Amino acid sequence: MIASRLRLSLGLGLALACASPLAQAIEFRSVAAPAILYDSPSNQGKRLFIVAPGTPVEVVVALDKWVKVRDPAGAINWIERGALTDKRTLMVTAPRTMVRQQASEEAPPVFEAVRDLVLELVEAPANGWVKVRHQDGASGYIRVGEVWGL
């Protein structure tokens, strides 16, 4: 009786751990150079469109040569592994927002960012803000809810 309760308890704990969203980390990468997205993991697959360099993508499935990714628009397609880099970028999702000197709404603005602008991730998010860098070198903090790729 005790042994069966213990097995049941362990089984339920394992099931809950596997179902937990924390058990599965989301992995993001960036596109290194202009790359083709395909409908299947093959060069013979249908070529759907070209994705711009720097675009952040979410890794869904990784095979030897191919990676299934979700793009900022939510589309899921295949890309060759060699087209991706570990360098992390974020894409602005807000129509217009300010990148600020510190992680505070009261901080002075560094620059204005618009939707679909790609920014380099500089530091991990903290307290609802993330440090980013523009391609011209200007850096500052933006709210995590105003970017995609975290």
Protein backbone atom coordinates (compact mmCIF):
# COMPACT_ATOMS: atom_id res chain seq x y z
CA MET A 1 0.00 0.00 0.00
CA ILE A 2 2.74 2.49 0.95
CA ALA A 3 4.87 1.40 -2.01
CA SER A 4 1.99 1.94 -4.46
CA ARG A 5 1.27 5.41 -3.00
CA LEU A 6 4.95 6.26 -3.31
CA ARG A 7 4.99 5.13 -6.96
CA LEU A 8 1.81 7.13 -7.64
CA SER A 9 3.28 10.20 -5.94
CA LEU A 10 6.55 9.91 -7.87
CA GLY A 11 4.67 9.39 -11.12
CA LEU A 12 2.48 12.45 -10.55
CA GLY A 13 5.52 14.55 -9.62
CA LEU A 14 7.32 13.49 -12.77
CA ALA A 15 4.26 14.23 -14.91
CA LEU A 16 3.88 17.70 -13.38
CA ALA A 17 7.58 18.45 -13.87
CA CYS A 18 7.38 17.48 -17.54
CA ALA A 19 4.23 19.55 -18.08
CA SER A 20 5.68 22.63 -16.38
CA PRO A 21 6.54 25.50 -18.74
CA LEU A 22 9.73 25.99 -16.76
CA ALA A 23 10.84 22.49 -17.71
CA GLN A 24 11.17 23.53 -21.34
CA ALA A 25 13.39 26.54 -22.02
CA ILE A 26 12.76 28.56 -25.15
CA GLU A 27 15.81 28.90 -27.40
CA PHE A 28 16.29 31.89 -29.68
CA ARG A 29 18.89 32.44 -32.39
CA SER A 30 19.42 35.12 -35.03
CA VAL A 31 19.78 34.88 -38.79
CA ALA A 32 23.44 35.48 -39.72
CA ALA A 33 22.99 36.53 -43.38
CA PRO A 34 20.05 36.68 -45.79
CA ALA A 35 18.62 33.16 -45.76
CA ILE A 36 15.85 31.20 -47.43
CA LEU A 37 13.02 29.73 -45.38
CA TYR A 38 11.64 26.41 -46.65
CA ASP A 39 8.44 24.46 -46.07
CA SER A 40 10.41 21.26 -45.33
CA PRO A 41 13.91 20.35 -44.14
CA SER A 42 15.38 19.97 -47.63
CA ASN A 43 16.88 22.07 -50.40
CA GLN A 44 14.26 20.44 -52.61
CA GLY A 45 11.49 21.89 -50.41
CA LYS A 46 9.40 24.85 -51.49
CA ARG A 47 11.29 28.13 -51.04
CA LEU A 48 8.94 30.41 -49.14
CA PHE A 49 10.80 33.68 -48.67
CA ILE A 50 14.10 35.29 -47.71
CA VAL A 51 14.60 36.36 -44.12
CA ALA A 52 16.77 39.40 -43.35
CA PRO A 53 20.03 39.17 -41.43
CA GLY A 54 19.70 39.82 -37.72
CA THR A 55 16.11 38.61 -37.55
CA PRO A 56 15.51 36.74 -34.28
CA VAL A 57 13.92 33.29 -34.57
CA GLU A 58 12.69 30.78 -32.00
CA VAL A 59 14.10 27.26 -32.38
CA VAL A 60 11.27 24.71 -32.47
CA VAL A 61 13.13 21.58 -33.61
CA ALA A 62 16.78 21.08 -34.52
CA LEU A 63 17.95 18.33 -36.86
CA ASP A 64 21.46 17.74 -38.19
CA LYS A 65 21.49 20.29 -41.01
CA TRP A 66 18.07 21.90 -40.58
CA VAL A 67 16.26 23.89 -37.88
CA LYS A 68 12.53 24.42 -37.66
CA VAL A 69 11.98 28.01 -36.49
CA ARG A 70 9.19 30.39 -35.58
CA ASP A 71 9.69 33.92 -36.92
CA PRO A 72 8.49 37.16 -35.28
CA ALA A 73 5.22 36.97 -37.27
CA GLY A 74 4.52 33.49 -35.84
CA ALA A 75 5.14 31.51 -39.04
CA ILE A 76 6.92 28.16 -38.62
CA ASN A 77 9.35 27.15 -41.36
CA TRP A 78 12.71 25.44 -41.93
CA ILE A 79 16.11 27.09 -42.27
CA GLU A 80 19.57 25.64 -42.80
CA ARG A 81 21.49 25.44 -39.50
CA GLY A 82 24.49 27.26 -41.00
CA ALA A 83 22.33 30.36 -41.58
CA LEU A 84 21.88 30.89 -37.83
CA THR A 85 24.17 32.50 -35.30
CA ASP A 86 24.27 32.42 -31.51
CA LYS A 87 24.33 36.23 -31.46
CA ARG A 88 21.05 37.32 -29.90
CA THR A 89 18.83 39.99 -31.34
CA LEU A 90 15.36 41.29 -30.49
CA MET A 91 12.71 42.80 -32.72
CA VAL A 92 10.64 45.78 -31.59
CA THR A 93 6.91 44.94 -31.55
CA ALA A 94 5.55 48.29 -30.32
CA PRO A 95 4.58 50.85 -32.97
CA ARG A 96 6.90 53.40 -31.29
CA THR A 97 8.84 53.25 -28.05
CA MET A 98 11.73 54.91 -26.30
CA VAL A 99 15.01 53.22 -25.48
CA ARG A 100 16.13 54.81 -22.21
CA GLN A 101 19.44 55.46 -20.44
CA GLN A 102 18.39 53.42 -17.39
CA ALA A 103 15.72 50.80 -16.75
CA SER A 104 13.08 53.35 -15.75
CA GLU A 105 10.20 55.21 -17.41
CA GLU A 106 11.61 58.41 -15.90
CA ALA A 107 15.08 57.93 -17.41
CA PRO A 108 16.05 60.19 -20.33
CA PRO A 109 15.58 58.67 -23.80
CA VAL A 110 18.58 57.53 -25.85
CA PHE A 111 16.67 56.96 -29.09
CA GLU A 112 13.21 56.12 -30.41
CA ALA A 113 12.60 52.63 -31.76
CA VAL A 114 9.85 51.66 -34.20
CA ARG A 115 8.14 48.37 -35.01
CA ASP A 116 10.32 45.72 -36.69
CA LEU A 117 13.60 47.42 -35.75
CA VAL A 118 16.21 44.79 -34.88
CA LEU A 119 18.32 45.46 -31.77
CA GLU A 120 21.20 43.47 -30.31
CA LEU A 121 20.58 41.90 -26.89
CA VAL A 122 23.28 43.21 -24.52
CA GLU A 123 22.15 41.90 -21.10
CA ALA A 124 19.56 39.45 -19.84
CA PRO A 125 16.20 40.97 -18.89
CA ALA A 126 15.69 42.17 -15.31
CA ASN A 127 12.71 43.81 -13.62
CA GLY A 128 10.77 44.14 -16.87
CA TRP A 129 13.59 45.81 -18.83
CA VAL A 130 16.29 44.56 -21.19
CA LYS A 131 19.49 46.28 -22.31
CA VAL A 132 19.85 46.56 -26.09
CA ARG A 133 22.20 48.10 -28.66
CA HIS A 134 21.27 49.74 -31.96
CA GLN A 135 23.43 48.98 -35.03
CA ASP A 136 24.82 52.53 -34.82
CA GLY A 137 26.22 51.74 -31.35
CA ALA A 138 23.69 53.58 -29.16
CA SER A 139 22.54 51.43 -26.25
CA GLY A 140 19.92 51.61 -23.54
CA TYR A 141 16.97 49.87 -21.94
CA ILE A 142 13.62 48.88 -23.43
CA ARG A 143 10.61 47.22 -21.77
CA VAL A 144 10.50 43.46 -22.36
CA GLY A 145 6.86 43.68 -23.48
CA GLU A 146 7.87 45.87 -26.43
CA VAL A 147 10.24 43.36 -28.08
CA TRP A 148 10.11 39.80 -29.43
CA GLY A 149 12.89 37.29 -29.03
CA LEU A 150 13.20 36.69 -25.28
